[in-house]
Amino acid sequence: MARINPVSRDQADPKAQGLLDGVEKALGTTPNLMATIAQSPASLAAYLGFGQALGGGELGSKLREQIAVAVAGANSCEYCASAHTALGKGQGVEENELSSNLVGESSDQKTAAALRFSRAIVQKRGFVGDTDLDEVRAAGFGEGEIVEIIATVAINTFTNYFNHIAQTENDFPRVAVQEPAIA
């Protein structure tokens, strides 16, 4: 049961209504995550703005979805694993690849390096070592792309933590994640 409830468009603050309309137009639906974040129009605007800005960056949409899946797996967020698996499929990523991404693996070596780096950021709480950076650089990622990987991890960690706290009802086809080590 949700601990922070979603708001309907009609109940939302007028500032949030316009943002929710944009989400509905872009996705054809309003996911429970967005409707729940809409309890704070400023938070919803920040989240959507951050995502939109990253959409104009160097990393492709497929890789951003794969990173989101890996981060969801590392943070044991079923909602985000489910949502980003569905979104990743929509970007053309195969289901078996997304299953591998959930545990930080990929059949593509460059993608695998980005996912290992992303999970290292989560697991080490940002205190990655030189070896972690050397590996992602050796895979062919430039400095700007590395910064975008960090930003993608950050925005996804926000939604993972948000969902843990809010206990957002999953409105995507369920993807199971490993139980968290700390409860």
C-alpha atoms as a PDB file:
ATOM      1  CA  MET A   1       0.000   0.000   0.000  1.00  0.00           C
ATOM      2  CA  ALA A   2       1.329   3.398  -0.972  1.00  0.00           C
ATOM      3  CA  ARG A   3       2.717   5.564   1.823  1.00  0.00           C
ATOM      4  CA  ILE A   4       2.592   8.679  -0.369  1.00  0.00           C
ATOM      5  CA  ASN A   5      -0.453   8.685  -2.595  1.00  0.00           C
ATOM      6  CA  PRO A   6      -0.555   9.682  -6.254  1.00  0.00           C
ATOM      7  CA  VAL A   7      -2.723  12.624  -7.202  1.00  0.00           C
ATOM      8  CA  SER A   8      -5.121  12.688 -10.088  1.00  0.00           C
ATOM      9  CA  ARG A   9      -4.656  15.397 -12.657  1.00  0.00           C
ATOM     10  CA  ASP A  10      -7.823  17.095 -11.400  1.00  0.00           C
ATOM     11  CA  GLN A  11      -6.588  17.081  -7.794  1.00  0.00           C
ATOM     12  CA  ALA A  12      -3.080  18.224  -8.674  1.00  0.00           C
ATOM     13  CA  ASP A  13      -1.781  21.702  -8.085  1.00  0.00           C
ATOM     14  CA  PRO A  14      -2.241  23.763 -11.281  1.00  0.00           C
ATOM     15  CA  LYS A  15       1.544  23.820 -11.766  1.00  0.00           C
ATOM     16  CA  ALA A  16       1.616  20.027 -11.657  1.00  0.00           C
ATOM     17  CA  GLN A  17      -1.398  19.674 -13.971  1.00  0.00           C
ATOM     18  CA  GLY A  18       0.495  21.045 -16.958  1.00  0.00           C
ATOM     19  CA  LEU A  19       3.462  18.797 -16.228  1.00  0.00           C
ATOM     20  CA  LEU A  20       1.213  15.740 -15.917  1.00  0.00           C
ATOM     21  CA  ASP A  21      -0.464  16.674 -19.210  1.00  0.00           C
ATOM     22  CA  GLY A  22       2.979  16.667 -20.841  1.00  0.00           C
ATOM     23  CA  VAL A  23       3.765  13.241 -19.368  1.00  0.00           C
ATOM     24  CA  GLU A  24       0.426  11.885 -20.618  1.00  0.00           C
ATOM     25  CA  LYS A  25       1.092  13.272 -24.092  1.00  0.00           C
ATOM     26  CA  ALA A  26       4.625  11.856 -24.244  1.00  0.00           C
ATOM     27  CA  LEU A  27       3.903   8.411 -22.800  1.00  0.00           C
ATOM     28  CA  GLY A  28       0.210   7.932 -23.516  1.00  0.00           C
ATOM     29  CA  THR A  29      -0.314   7.393 -19.797  1.00  0.00           C
ATOM     30  CA  THR A  30       0.612   8.935 -16.473  1.00  0.00           C
ATOM     31  CA  PRO A  31       2.694   6.443 -14.488  1.00  0.00           C
ATOM     32  CA  ASN A  32       2.024   6.273 -10.760  1.00  0.00           C
ATOM     33  CA  LEU A  33       5.565   7.514 -10.121  1.00  0.00           C
ATOM     34  CA  MET A  34       4.842  10.820 -11.875  1.00  0.00           C
ATOM     35  CA  ALA A  35       1.432  11.191 -10.251  1.00  0.00           C
ATOM     36  CA  THR A  36       3.011  10.647  -6.851  1.00  0.00           C
ATOM     37  CA  ILE A  37       5.927  13.006  -7.386  1.00  0.00           C
ATOM     38  CA  ALA A  38       3.252  15.527  -8.464  1.00  0.00           C
ATOM     39  CA  GLN A  39       2.458  15.972  -4.756  1.00  0.00           C
ATOM     40  CA  SER A  40       5.300  18.502  -5.116  1.00  0.00           C
ATOM     41  CA  PRO A  41       5.127  20.410  -8.401  1.00  0.00           C
ATOM     42  CA  ALA A  42       8.683  21.660  -7.853  1.00  0.00           C
ATOM     43  CA  SER A  43       9.977  18.097  -7.480  1.00  0.00           C
ATOM     44  CA  LEU A  44       8.102  16.917 -10.570  1.00  0.00           C
ATOM     45  CA  ALA A  45       9.430  19.864 -12.596  1.00  0.00           C
ATOM     46  CA  ALA A  46      12.972  19.162 -11.390  1.00  0.00           C
ATOM     47  CA  TYR A  47      12.714  15.453 -12.216  1.00  0.00           C
ATOM     48  CA  LEU A  48      11.238  16.022 -15.678  1.00  0.00           C
ATOM     49  CA  GLY A  49      13.705  18.806 -16.435  1.00  0.00           C
ATOM     50  CA  PHE A  50      16.677  16.676 -15.427  1.00  0.00           C
ATOM     51  CA  GLY A  51      15.467  13.832 -17.643  1.00  0.00           C
ATOM     52  CA  GLN A  52      14.776  16.141 -20.565  1.00  0.00           C
ATOM     53  CA  ALA A  53      18.230  17.698 -20.303  1.00  0.00           C
ATOM     54  CA  LEU A  54      19.894  14.267 -20.324  1.00  0.00           C
ATOM     55  CA  GLY A  55      17.822  13.373 -23.387  1.00  0.00           C
ATOM     56  CA  GLY A  56      19.765  16.038 -25.275  1.00  0.00           C
ATOM     57  CA  GLY A  57      23.136  14.679 -24.182  1.00  0.00           C
ATOM     58  CA  GLU A  58      25.704  12.358 -25.683  1.00  0.00           C
ATOM     59  CA  LEU A  59      24.406   9.059 -24.296  1.00  0.00           C
ATOM     60  CA  GLY A  60      21.752   7.387 -26.387  1.00  0.00           C
ATOM     61  CA  SER A  61      18.291   6.620 -25.049  1.00  0.00           C
ATOM     62  CA  LYS A  62      18.946   2.866 -25.134  1.00  0.00           C
ATOM     63  CA  LEU A  63      22.004   3.147 -22.918  1.00  0.00           C
ATOM     64  CA  ARG A  64      20.225   5.512 -20.519  1.00  0.00           C
ATOM     65  CA  GLU A  65      17.444   2.928 -20.128  1.00  0.00           C
ATOM     66  CA  GLN A  66      19.988   0.152 -19.627  1.00  0.00           C
ATOM     67  CA  ILE A  67      21.739   2.198 -16.941  1.00  0.00           C
ATOM     68  CA  ALA A  68      18.361   2.838 -15.302  1.00  0.00           C
ATOM     69  CA  VAL A  69      17.701  -0.915 -15.217  1.00  0.00           C
ATOM     70  CA  ALA A  70      21.161  -1.599 -13.736  1.00  0.00           C
ATOM     71  CA  VAL A  71      20.707   1.086 -11.086  1.00  0.00           C
ATOM     72  CA  ALA A  72      17.245  -0.257 -10.225  1.00  0.00           C
ATOM     73  CA  GLY A  73      18.779  -3.694  -9.787  1.00  0.00           C
ATOM     74  CA  ALA A  74      21.579  -2.342  -7.595  1.00  0.00           C
ATOM     75  CA  ASN A  75      19.060  -0.421  -5.461  1.00  0.00           C
ATOM     76  CA  SER A  76      16.447  -3.239  -5.415  1.00  0.00           C
ATOM     77  CA  CYS A  77      13.753  -0.986  -6.909  1.00  0.00           C
ATOM     78  CA  GLU A  78      11.074  -3.179  -8.479  1.00  0.00           C
ATOM     79  CA  TYR A  79       9.064  -0.204  -9.761  1.00  0.00           C
ATOM     80  CA  CYS A  80      12.005   1.262 -11.686  1.00  0.00           C
ATOM     81  CA  ALA A  81      13.221  -2.134 -12.901  1.00  0.00           C
ATOM     82  CA  SER A  82       9.727  -2.733 -14.264  1.00  0.00           C
ATOM     83  CA  ALA A  83       9.300   0.735 -15.775  1.00  0.00           C
ATOM     84  CA  HIS A  84      12.721   0.921 -17.402  1.00  0.00           C
ATOM     85  CA  THR A  85      12.492  -2.629 -18.708  1.00  0.00           C
ATOM     86  CA  ALA A  86       9.275  -1.622 -20.480  1.00  0.00           C
ATOM     87  CA  LEU A  87      10.837   1.638 -21.702  1.00  0.00           C
ATOM     88  CA  GLY A  88      14.018  -0.181 -22.774  1.00  0.00           C
ATOM     89  CA  LYS A  89      11.959  -2.630 -24.831  1.00  0.00           C
ATOM     90  CA  GLY A  90      10.343   0.406 -26.441  1.00  0.00           C
ATOM     91  CA  GLN A  91      13.840   1.601 -27.388  1.00  0.00           C
ATOM     92  CA  GLY A  92      14.576  -1.748 -29.045  1.00  0.00           C
ATOM     93  CA  VAL A  93      16.586  -3.435 -26.283  1.00  0.00           C
ATOM     94  CA  GLU A  94      15.912  -7.182 -26.195  1.00  0.00           C
ATOM     95  CA  GLU A  95      14.291  -8.656 -23.079  1.00  0.00           C
ATOM     96  CA  ASN A  96      17.184 -11.040 -22.384  1.00  0.00           C
ATOM     97  CA  GLU A  97      19.622  -8.122 -22.613  1.00  0.00           C
ATOM     98  CA  LEU A  98      17.528  -6.124 -20.142  1.00  0.00           C
ATOM     99  CA  SER A  99      17.529  -9.113 -17.767  1.00  0.00           C
ATOM    100  CA  SER A 100      21.324  -9.120 -17.932  1.00  0.00           C
ATOM    101  CA  ASN A 101      21.395  -5.351 -17.464  1.00  0.00           C
ATOM    102  CA  LEU A 102      19.462  -5.739 -14.212  1.00  0.00           C
ATOM    103  CA  VAL A 103      22.531  -7.380 -12.681  1.00  0.00           C
ATOM    104  CA  GLY A 104      24.983  -5.035 -14.426  1.00  0.00           C
ATOM    105  CA  GLU A 105      25.885  -7.250 -17.352  1.00  0.00           C
ATOM    106  CA  SER A 106      25.588  -6.840 -21.109  1.00  0.00           C
ATOM    107  CA  SER A 107      26.461  -8.769 -24.253  1.00  0.00           C
ATOM    108  CA  ASP A 108      28.040  -5.559 -25.591  1.00  0.00           C
ATOM    109  CA  GLN A 109      31.421  -4.822 -23.973  1.00  0.00           C
ATOM    110  CA  LYS A 110      31.071  -1.025 -24.067  1.00  0.00           C
ATOM    111  CA  THR A 111      27.585  -1.175 -22.532  1.00  0.00           C
ATOM    112  CA  ALA A 112      28.861  -3.666 -19.943  1.00  0.00           C
ATOM    113  CA  ALA A 113      31.561  -1.186 -18.894  1.00  0.00           C
ATOM    114  CA  ALA A 114      28.984   1.588 -18.481  1.00  0.00           C
ATOM    115  CA  LEU A 115      26.755  -0.686 -16.404  1.00  0.00           C
ATOM    116  CA  ARG A 116      29.622  -1.854 -14.175  1.00  0.00           C
ATOM    117  CA  PHE A 117      30.608   1.781 -13.646  1.00  0.00           C
ATOM    118  CA  SER A 118      26.993   2.716 -12.855  1.00  0.00           C
ATOM    119  CA  ARG A 119      26.657  -0.072 -10.308  1.00  0.00           C
ATOM    120  CA  ALA A 120      30.025   0.845  -8.794  1.00  0.00           C
ATOM    121  CA  ILE A 121      28.741   4.392  -8.273  1.00  0.00           C
ATOM    122  CA  VAL A 122      25.699   3.012  -6.430  1.00  0.00           C
ATOM    123  CA  GLN A 123      27.531   0.364  -4.428  1.00  0.00           C
ATOM    124  CA  LYS A 124      30.417   2.655  -3.455  1.00  0.00           C
ATOM    125  CA  ARG A 125      28.130   5.656  -2.870  1.00  0.00           C
ATOM    126  CA  GLY A 126      30.077   7.658  -5.416  1.00  0.00           C
ATOM    127  CA  PHE A 127      33.519   6.818  -4.039  1.00  0.00           C
ATOM    128  CA  VAL A 128      34.663   4.982  -7.161  1.00  0.00           C
ATOM    129  CA  GLY A 129      38.345   4.240  -7.603  1.00  0.00           C
ATOM    130  CA  ASP A 130      40.758   5.064 -10.373  1.00  0.00           C
ATOM    131  CA  THR A 131      40.332   1.526 -11.703  1.00  0.00           C
ATOM    132  CA  ASP A 132      36.585   2.097 -12.129  1.00  0.00           C
ATOM    133  CA  LEU A 133      37.225   5.256 -14.144  1.00  0.00           C
ATOM    134  CA  ASP A 134      40.051   3.662 -16.118  1.00  0.00           C
ATOM    135  CA  GLU A 135      37.767   0.803 -17.142  1.00  0.00           C
ATOM    136  CA  VAL A 136      34.950   3.021 -18.404  1.00  0.00           C
ATOM    137  CA  ARG A 137      37.453   5.213 -20.245  1.00  0.00           C
ATOM    138  CA  ALA A 138      39.138   2.177 -21.795  1.00  0.00           C
ATOM    139  CA  ALA A 139      35.737   1.068 -23.107  1.00  0.00           C
ATOM    140  CA  GLY A 140      35.593   4.277 -25.145  1.00  0.00           C
ATOM    141  CA  PHE A 141      33.641   6.705 -22.994  1.00  0.00           C
ATOM    142  CA  GLY A 142      34.780  10.319 -23.033  1.00  0.00           C
ATOM    143  CA  GLU A 143      34.679  12.698 -20.118  1.00  0.00           C
ATOM    144  CA  GLY A 144      31.302  14.186 -21.089  1.00  0.00           C
ATOM    145  CA  GLU A 145      29.764  10.738 -21.421  1.00  0.00           C
ATOM    146  CA  ILE A 146      31.145   9.744 -18.018  1.00  0.00           C
ATOM    147  CA  VAL A 147      29.551  12.832 -16.487  1.00  0.00           C
ATOM    148  CA  GLU A 148      26.248  11.853 -18.123  1.00  0.00           C
ATOM    149  CA  ILE A 149      26.532   8.317 -16.750  1.00  0.00           C
ATOM    150  CA  ILE A 150      26.951   9.829 -13.280  1.00  0.00           C
ATOM    151  CA  ALA A 151      23.944  12.107 -13.869  1.00  0.00           C
ATOM    152  CA  THR A 152      21.859   9.175 -15.130  1.00  0.00           C
ATOM    153  CA  VAL A 153      22.747   7.200 -12.006  1.00  0.00           C
ATOM    154  CA  ALA A 154      21.781  10.208  -9.861  1.00  0.00           C
ATOM    155  CA  ILE A 155      18.343  10.755 -11.390  1.00  0.00           C
ATOM    156  CA  ASN A 156      17.581   7.048 -11.204  1.00  0.00           C
ATOM    157  CA  THR A 157      18.763   6.814  -7.608  1.00  0.00           C
ATOM    158  CA  PHE A 158      16.284   9.598  -6.816  1.00  0.00           C
ATOM    159  CA  THR A 159      13.380   7.626  -8.262  1.00  0.00           C
ATOM    160  CA  ASN A 160      14.583   4.379  -6.656  1.00  0.00           C
ATOM    161  CA  TYR A 161      14.698   5.988  -3.228  1.00  0.00           C
ATOM    162  CA  PHE A 162      11.438   7.817  -3.853  1.00  0.00           C
ATOM    163  CA  ASN A 163       9.695   4.546  -4.679  1.00  0.00           C
ATOM    164  CA  HIS A 164      11.152   2.824  -1.608  1.00  0.00           C
ATOM    165  CA  ILE A 165       9.818   5.575   0.622  1.00  0.00           C
ATOM    166  CA  ALA A 166       6.484   6.181  -1.151  1.00  0.00           C
ATOM    167  CA  GLN A 167       5.908   2.478  -1.863  1.00  0.00           C
ATOM    168  CA  THR A 168       4.608   3.496  -5.269  1.00  0.00           C
ATOM    169  CA  GLU A 169       2.142   1.005  -6.721  1.00  0.00           C
ATOM    170  CA  ASN A 170       3.756  -0.672  -9.730  1.00  0.00           C
ATOM    171  CA  ASP A 171       1.722  -0.008 -12.873  1.00  0.00           C
ATOM    172  CA  PHE A 172       4.147  -1.729 -15.286  1.00  0.00           C
ATOM    173  CA  PRO A 173       4.627  -5.429 -16.051  1.00  0.00           C
ATOM    174  CA  ARG A 174       6.461  -6.684 -12.967  1.00  0.00           C
ATOM    175  CA  VAL A 175      10.198  -7.315 -13.064  1.00  0.00           C
ATOM    176  CA  ALA A 176      11.446  -8.938  -9.870  1.00  0.00           C
ATOM    177  CA  VAL A 177      14.570  -7.590  -8.201  1.00  0.00           C
ATOM    178  CA  GLN A 178      16.799  -9.036  -5.524  1.00  0.00           C
ATOM    179  CA  GLU A 179      15.676  -8.199  -2.006  1.00  0.00           C
ATOM    180  CA  PRO A 180      17.670  -5.342  -0.468  1.00  0.00           C
ATOM    181  CA  ALA A 181      20.480  -6.267   1.890  1.00  0.00           C
ATOM    182  CA  ILE A 182      19.321  -3.559   4.318  1.00  0.00           C
ATOM    183  CA  ALA A 183      15.680  -3.134   5.269  1.00  0.00           C
END
